[in-house]
Amino acid sequence: MTFSSEVKDELSRISAERDCELAELAAIIRMSGSIQITTGGGTSINIKVVTESASTARRFIQLLKKFLETAEVEIVVTKEKMKKHNLYEVTASDSEMGDFLEKIGILAQKERIFIRDNIKPDLIRKRCCKKAYLRGAFLGSGSISDPKGPYHLEFVAASMEQAQSLARLISGFGLSAGVATRKGAFVVYLKNGDDIRDLLGLIGASESLLKFEDIRVLKEMRNNVNRLVNCETANLNKTVNAAVRQIEMINYLKRIGVYEKLPPGLKQVAELRLKHPDLSLKELGHLMTPPLGKSGVNHRLKKLEEFVEKIKSEREEKL
């Protein structure tokens, strides 16, 4: 089961107040439903919800029956040939369906029937109903990536107005939601780990939130360890490169017969560097007589480098 499926399964089992359930149902219909209108012998209005989630199909039927007890529901399950999951098509009909859809702000039936894209304000007047609407939106068309990879949560909407309306609702909770178009669809997305965590909490996915955070903490720990290792490797490379350069300078002095003329302090640090090419400046300092700190050793090696540069300059002038 994917992480998205786990979240939807958890959401589909949440108990809520009746007005919150109405907001949730409205969001499921808006995000994953289509309205079928037939005329001739009277107008007939049906809802068809298509989803890859058994949890969403189950929740839709459960909630619809609470508000339209006489609704006739037909479900068709088909196996997707190119995918590893089923497709659930739930069709619901009722003589009161048009009035119900108007009540939840999806249809308008005055002079002509048309579909509304904005969320009906009365549905989400209370904070708990706003959360319930987001829960239904996720059940209807939401998905979340495996938290082991890059963080990404999204909702797919049928229109830009619908997407922007949902993004405004999410932003009202202080979360950062973006809107983008993709292959003719409109996507509301969150990419920040903190925002995704908070959204899971808002819609009631407590168990999924804990799992998300556990994986997130482990991932951040691994990233921190990798950064430390990379930093240590960089420092080690820097130390090795410096040691190689220092040894080359000392060997140069030996080749031209100047090594023995070095001042005692510089000669001591040069001898220790030749004997211990892998030691850090701090470790070299411990071997000095008397012992020197890291800055003291660094100072002598810089003096040694200046001494070498001076000799090279003098030899070039003679040429």
Protein backbone atom coordinates (compact mmCIF):
# COMPACT_ATOMS: atom_id res chain seq x y z
CA MET A 1 0.00 0.00 0.00
CA THR A 2 1.35 3.41 -0.97
CA PHE A 3 1.63 6.20 1.58
CA SER A 4 -1.23 8.02 -0.20
CA SER A 5 -3.42 4.94 0.19
CA GLU A 6 -2.55 4.68 3.87
CA VAL A 7 -3.52 8.32 4.43
CA LYS A 8 -6.84 7.89 2.59
CA ASP A 9 -7.64 4.71 4.48
CA GLU A 10 -7.10 6.56 7.77
CA LEU A 11 -9.17 9.57 6.65
CA SER A 12 -12.06 7.37 5.52
CA ARG A 13 -12.54 6.10 9.08
CA ILE A 14 -12.79 9.46 10.86
CA SER A 15 -16.00 10.30 12.72
CA ALA A 16 -17.22 13.90 12.47
CA GLU A 17 -20.19 16.17 13.17
CA ARG A 18 -22.95 16.25 10.58
CA ASP A 19 -22.08 19.69 9.18
CA CYS A 20 -18.43 18.61 8.82
CA GLU A 21 -19.51 15.43 7.03
CA LEU A 22 -21.53 17.53 4.59
CA ALA A 23 -18.46 19.68 3.83
CA GLU A 24 -16.35 16.55 3.37
CA LEU A 25 -18.90 14.97 1.03
CA ALA A 26 -19.13 18.16 -1.02
CA ALA A 27 -15.35 18.15 -1.47
CA ILE A 28 -15.26 14.50 -2.55
CA ILE A 29 -17.95 15.16 -5.17
CA ARG A 30 -16.29 18.37 -6.37
CA MET A 31 -12.79 16.89 -6.64
CA SER A 32 -13.53 13.42 -8.06
CA GLY A 33 -17.12 13.55 -9.25
CA SER A 34 -18.93 14.41 -12.43
CA ILE A 35 -22.56 15.48 -12.82
CA GLN A 36 -24.69 13.57 -15.33
CA ILE A 37 -27.77 15.48 -16.47
CA THR A 38 -30.38 13.85 -18.72
CA THR A 39 -33.53 15.47 -20.07
CA GLY A 40 -36.62 14.03 -21.66
CA GLY A 41 -39.56 13.03 -19.56
CA GLY A 42 -38.18 15.33 -16.87
CA THR A 43 -34.66 16.26 -15.82
CA SER A 44 -32.60 13.57 -14.11
CA ILE A 45 -29.37 14.40 -12.29
CA ASN A 46 -26.85 11.75 -11.20
CA ILE A 47 -23.40 11.84 -9.59
CA LYS A 48 -20.53 9.71 -10.81
CA VAL A 49 -17.41 9.48 -8.65
CA VAL A 50 -14.37 7.82 -10.23
CA THR A 51 -11.41 6.97 -8.00
CA GLU A 52 -8.49 4.57 -7.67
CA SER A 53 -9.05 4.47 -3.91
CA ALA A 54 -11.38 1.90 -2.36
CA SER A 55 -11.33 4.03 0.79
CA THR A 56 -12.64 7.06 -1.11
CA ALA A 57 -15.38 5.03 -2.81
CA ARG A 58 -16.45 3.56 0.53
CA ARG A 59 -16.45 6.96 2.26
CA PHE A 60 -18.44 8.60 -0.54
CA ILE A 61 -21.19 5.97 -0.35
CA GLN A 62 -21.24 6.10 3.45
CA LEU A 63 -21.61 9.90 3.58
CA LEU A 64 -24.06 10.14 0.68
CA LYS A 65 -26.40 7.65 2.35
CA LYS A 66 -26.43 9.84 5.47
CA PHE A 67 -27.83 12.79 3.54
CA LEU A 68 -29.77 11.00 0.79
CA GLU A 69 -31.04 7.81 2.37
CA THR A 70 -33.06 6.83 -0.70
CA ALA A 71 -30.18 7.29 -3.16
CA GLU A 72 -29.58 4.34 -5.45
CA VAL A 73 -25.89 3.51 -5.70
CA GLU A 74 -24.17 1.38 -8.31
CA ILE A 75 -20.47 0.56 -8.14
CA VAL A 76 -18.35 -0.86 -10.95
CA VAL A 77 -14.83 -2.10 -10.26
CA THR A 78 -12.44 -2.52 -13.19
CA LYS A 79 -8.85 -3.71 -13.24
CA GLU A 80 -6.53 -1.25 -14.95
CA LYS A 81 -4.47 -3.17 -17.52
CA MET A 82 -1.38 -0.98 -17.34
CA LYS A 83 -1.53 -0.41 -13.59
CA LYS A 84 -1.56 -2.53 -10.45
CA HIS A 85 -4.74 -1.11 -8.94
CA ASN A 86 -8.50 -1.12 -9.48
CA LEU A 87 -10.66 1.72 -10.71
CA TYR A 88 -13.87 2.33 -8.79
CA GLU A 89 -16.81 4.00 -10.55
CA VAL A 90 -19.65 4.88 -8.20
CA THR A 91 -22.88 6.21 -9.72
CA ALA A 92 -25.57 7.61 -7.44
CA SER A 93 -29.09 8.69 -8.39
CA ASP A 94 -31.96 10.18 -6.44
CA SER A 95 -34.99 12.30 -7.22
CA GLU A 96 -33.65 14.93 -4.80
CA MET A 97 -30.10 14.89 -6.22
CA GLY A 98 -30.40 18.27 -7.96
CA ASP A 99 -31.63 20.01 -4.82
CA PHE A 100 -28.91 18.33 -2.75
CA LEU A 101 -26.15 19.43 -5.14
CA GLU A 102 -27.54 22.96 -5.04
CA LYS A 103 -27.53 22.83 -1.23
CA ILE A 104 -23.81 22.00 -1.14
CA GLY A 105 -22.95 24.67 -3.72
CA ILE A 106 -22.07 22.47 -6.68
CA LEU A 107 -25.10 23.17 -8.89
CA ALA A 108 -27.25 26.21 -9.54
CA GLN A 109 -30.75 25.49 -10.88
CA LYS A 110 -32.49 28.84 -11.31
CA GLU A 111 -32.83 29.84 -14.96
CA ARG A 112 -30.54 27.07 -16.17
CA ILE A 113 -28.45 24.34 -14.58
CA PHE A 114 -24.74 25.04 -14.29
CA ILE A 115 -21.85 23.87 -12.12
CA ARG A 116 -20.23 26.19 -9.58
CA ASP A 117 -16.46 26.05 -9.07
CA ASN A 118 -16.14 28.06 -5.87
CA ILE A 119 -16.58 26.55 -2.42
CA LYS A 120 -19.92 27.54 -0.90
CA PRO A 121 -19.10 29.82 2.10
CA ASP A 122 -21.89 28.34 4.27
CA LEU A 123 -20.25 24.90 4.01
CA ILE A 124 -16.98 26.05 5.59
CA ARG A 125 -18.13 28.72 8.00
CA LYS A 126 -16.62 26.86 10.96
CA ARG A 127 -12.95 25.95 11.31
CA CYS A 128 -13.76 22.25 11.78
CA CYS A 129 -15.77 22.28 8.53
CA LYS A 130 -12.84 23.86 6.68
CA LYS A 131 -10.67 20.96 7.87
CA ALA A 132 -13.36 18.47 6.84
CA TYR A 133 -13.54 20.02 3.37
CA LEU A 134 -9.77 19.60 2.98
CA ARG A 135 -10.12 16.00 4.15
CA GLY A 136 -12.73 15.36 1.45
CA ALA A 137 -10.58 17.13 -1.15
CA PHE A 138 -7.66 14.84 -0.35
CA LEU A 139 -9.88 11.76 -0.50
CA GLY A 140 -11.25 12.96 -3.82
CA SER A 141 -8.12 13.94 -5.72
CA GLY A 142 -5.21 14.22 -3.31
CA SER A 143 -1.92 12.37 -3.26
CA ILE A 144 1.27 12.49 -1.24
CA SER A 145 4.71 11.20 -2.20
CA ASP A 146 6.61 8.63 -0.16
CA PRO A 147 8.23 10.70 2.62
CA LYS A 148 11.51 8.83 2.04
CA GLY A 149 11.86 10.87 -1.16
CA PRO A 150 11.26 14.55 -1.97
CA TYR A 151 8.29 16.04 -0.10
CA HIS A 152 5.22 16.62 -2.28
CA LEU A 153 1.48 16.72 -1.61
CA GLU A 154 -1.05 17.72 -4.24
CA PHE A 155 -4.71 18.01 -5.21
CA VAL A 156 -5.85 17.83 -8.84
CA ALA A 157 -8.71 20.20 -9.75
CA ALA A 158 -10.87 20.43 -12.86
CA SER A 159 -10.58 24.22 -13.28
CA MET A 160 -8.30 27.08 -12.31
CA GLU A 161 -11.10 28.68 -10.27
CA GLN A 162 -11.57 25.43 -8.35
CA ALA A 163 -7.81 25.13 -7.75
CA GLN A 164 -7.45 28.72 -6.57
CA SER A 165 -10.44 28.35 -4.27
CA LEU A 166 -8.84 25.31 -2.64
CA ALA A 167 -5.43 27.01 -2.44
CA ARG A 168 -7.01 29.98 -0.63
CA LEU A 169 -8.61 27.62 1.88
CA ILE A 170 -5.24 25.96 2.57
CA SER A 171 -3.46 29.32 2.80
CA GLY A 172 -6.02 30.40 5.39
CA PHE A 173 -4.36 27.94 7.79
CA GLY A 174 -0.99 29.63 7.30
CA LEU A 175 0.31 27.01 4.85
CA SER A 176 2.04 27.72 1.55
CA ALA A 177 0.09 26.25 -1.38
CA GLY A 178 1.04 26.76 -5.02
CA VAL A 179 -1.10 26.33 -8.15
CA ALA A 180 0.18 24.96 -11.45
CA THR A 181 -1.22 23.50 -14.68
CA ARG A 182 -0.33 20.00 -15.82
CA LYS A 183 -1.68 18.25 -18.93
CA GLY A 184 -4.96 20.15 -18.94
CA ALA A 185 -5.50 19.77 -15.19
CA PHE A 186 -4.93 22.28 -12.41
CA VAL A 187 -2.78 21.23 -9.48
CA VAL A 188 -2.66 22.66 -5.96
CA TYR A 189 0.60 21.57 -4.36
CA LEU A 190 2.66 21.77 -1.17
CA LYS A 191 6.39 21.02 -1.13
CA ASN A 192 7.51 22.23 2.28
CA GLY A 193 7.86 19.38 4.80
CA ASP A 194 6.46 21.45 7.68
CA ASP A 195 3.42 22.50 5.64
CA ILE A 196 2.71 18.91 4.59
CA ARG A 197 3.02 17.74 8.19
CA ASP A 198 0.63 20.46 9.35
CA LEU A 199 -1.89 19.67 6.61
CA LEU A 200 -1.92 15.99 7.59
CA GLY A 201 -2.68 17.14 11.12
CA LEU A 202 -5.45 19.49 9.97
CA ILE A 203 -7.32 16.81 8.03
CA GLY A 204 -7.08 14.33 10.90
CA ALA A 205 -4.44 11.91 9.59
CA SER A 206 -2.73 11.57 12.99
CA GLU A 207 -1.17 8.13 12.42
CA SER A 208 0.10 9.12 8.98
CA LEU A 209 1.51 12.34 10.43
CA LEU A 210 3.51 10.37 13.01
CA LYS A 211 4.83 8.04 10.32
CA PHE A 212 5.70 11.03 8.12
CA GLU A 213 7.59 12.68 10.98
CA ASP A 214 9.43 9.47 11.95
CA ILE A 215 10.68 9.01 8.39
CA ARG A 216 11.44 12.72 8.12
CA VAL A 217 13.55 12.75 11.29
CA LEU A 218 15.52 9.69 10.15
CA LYS A 219 16.06 11.25 6.72
CA GLU A 220 17.28 14.52 8.23
CA MET A 221 19.61 12.60 10.56
CA ARG A 222 21.09 10.76 7.56
CA ASN A 223 21.45 14.03 5.68
CA ASN A 224 23.20 15.61 8.67
CA VAL A 225 25.56 12.63 8.94
CA ASN A 226 26.31 12.87 5.21
CA ARG A 227 26.99 16.59 5.54
CA LEU A 228 29.36 15.93 8.46
CA VAL A 229 31.12 13.18 6.52
CA ASN A 230 31.45 15.46 3.49
CA CYS A 231 32.76 18.25 5.72
CA GLU A 232 35.26 15.90 7.37
CA THR A 233 36.33 14.62 3.96
CA ALA A 234 36.81 18.18 2.71
CA ASN A 235 38.85 19.07 5.79
CA LEU A 236 40.90 15.88 5.41
CA ASN A 237 41.58 16.67 1.75
CA LYS A 238 42.62 20.17 2.73
CA THR A 239 44.99 18.78 5.39
CA VAL A 240 46.47 16.22 2.99
CA ASN A 241 46.97 18.80 0.22
CA ALA A 242 48.67 21.18 2.64
CA ALA A 243 50.93 18.38 3.95
CA VAL A 244 51.91 17.37 0.40
CA ARG A 245 52.77 20.99 -0.44
CA GLN A 246 54.85 21.33 2.76
CA ILE A 247 56.76 18.10 2.09
CA GLU A 248 57.53 19.26 -1.46
CA MET A 249 58.96 22.51 -0.03
CA ILE A 250 61.13 20.65 2.48
CA ASN A 251 62.43 18.25 -0.17
CA TYR A 252 63.21 21.23 -2.40
CA LEU A 253 65.35 22.72 0.38
CA LYS A 254 67.18 19.40 0.71
CA ARG A 255 67.83 19.20 -3.03
CA ILE A 256 69.45 22.62 -3.17
CA GLY A 257 71.44 22.03 0.04
CA VAL A 258 69.73 24.68 2.16
CA TYR A 259 67.81 22.40 4.53
CA GLU A 260 70.59 22.20 7.14
CA LYS A 261 70.77 26.01 7.26
CA LEU A 262 67.18 26.32 8.51
CA PRO A 263 66.64 28.07 11.87
CA PRO A 264 66.09 25.51 14.71
CA GLY A 265 62.35 26.20 15.04
CA LEU A 266 61.67 25.79 11.33
CA LYS A 267 63.94 22.75 11.06
CA GLN A 268 62.13 21.00 13.93
CA VAL A 269 58.69 21.47 12.35
CA ALA A 270 60.09 20.41 8.94
CA GLU A 271 61.53 17.17 10.37
CA LEU A 272 58.25 16.32 12.11
CA ARG A 273 56.27 16.98 8.94
CA LEU A 274 58.54 14.63 6.96
CA LYS A 275 58.20 11.89 9.59
CA HIS A 276 54.42 12.36 10.05
CA PRO A 277 52.86 13.48 6.75
CA ASP A 278 49.36 12.38 7.85
CA LEU A 279 49.17 14.35 11.12
CA SER A 280 47.13 17.52 11.57
CA LEU A 281 48.74 20.76 12.74
CA LYS A 282 47.39 20.18 16.23
CA GLU A 283 48.89 16.68 16.36
CA LEU A 284 52.24 17.95 15.07
CA GLY A 285 52.22 20.57 17.83
CA HIS A 286 51.99 17.87 20.51
CA LEU A 287 55.25 16.34 19.20
CA MET A 288 57.16 19.62 19.31
CA THR A 289 59.66 20.46 22.07
CA PRO A 290 58.27 22.39 23.79
CA PRO A 291 54.73 21.58 22.59
CA LEU A 292 53.04 24.17 20.38
CA GLY A 293 49.40 24.92 19.66
CA LYS A 294 47.84 24.65 16.23
CA SER A 295 48.36 28.36 15.50
CA GLY A 296 52.02 28.13 16.55
CA VAL A 297 52.70 25.22 14.17
CA ASN A 298 50.81 27.00 11.39
CA HIS A 299 52.91 30.13 11.96
CA ARG A 300 56.19 28.17 11.63
CA LEU A 301 55.03 26.40 8.48
CA LYS A 302 54.08 29.75 6.95
CA LYS A 303 57.53 31.06 7.86
CA LEU A 304 59.00 27.99 6.17
CA GLU A 305 56.94 28.70 3.05
CA GLU A 306 58.09 32.35 3.03
CA PHE A 307 61.69 31.14 3.42
CA VAL A 308 61.32 28.85 0.41
CA GLU A 309 59.68 31.56 -1.72
CA LYS A 310 62.49 33.96 -0.85
CA ILE A 311 65.16 31.44 -1.89
CA LYS A 312 63.34 30.67 -5.16
CA SER A 313 63.12 34.38 -5.93
CA GLU A 314 66.83 34.91 -5.23
CA ARG A 315 67.83 31.94 -7.42
CA GLU A 316 65.67 33.23 -10.29
CA GLU A 317 67.32 36.66 -10.08
CA LYS A 318 70.78 35.07 -10.35
CA LEU A 319 69.68 33.30 -13.51
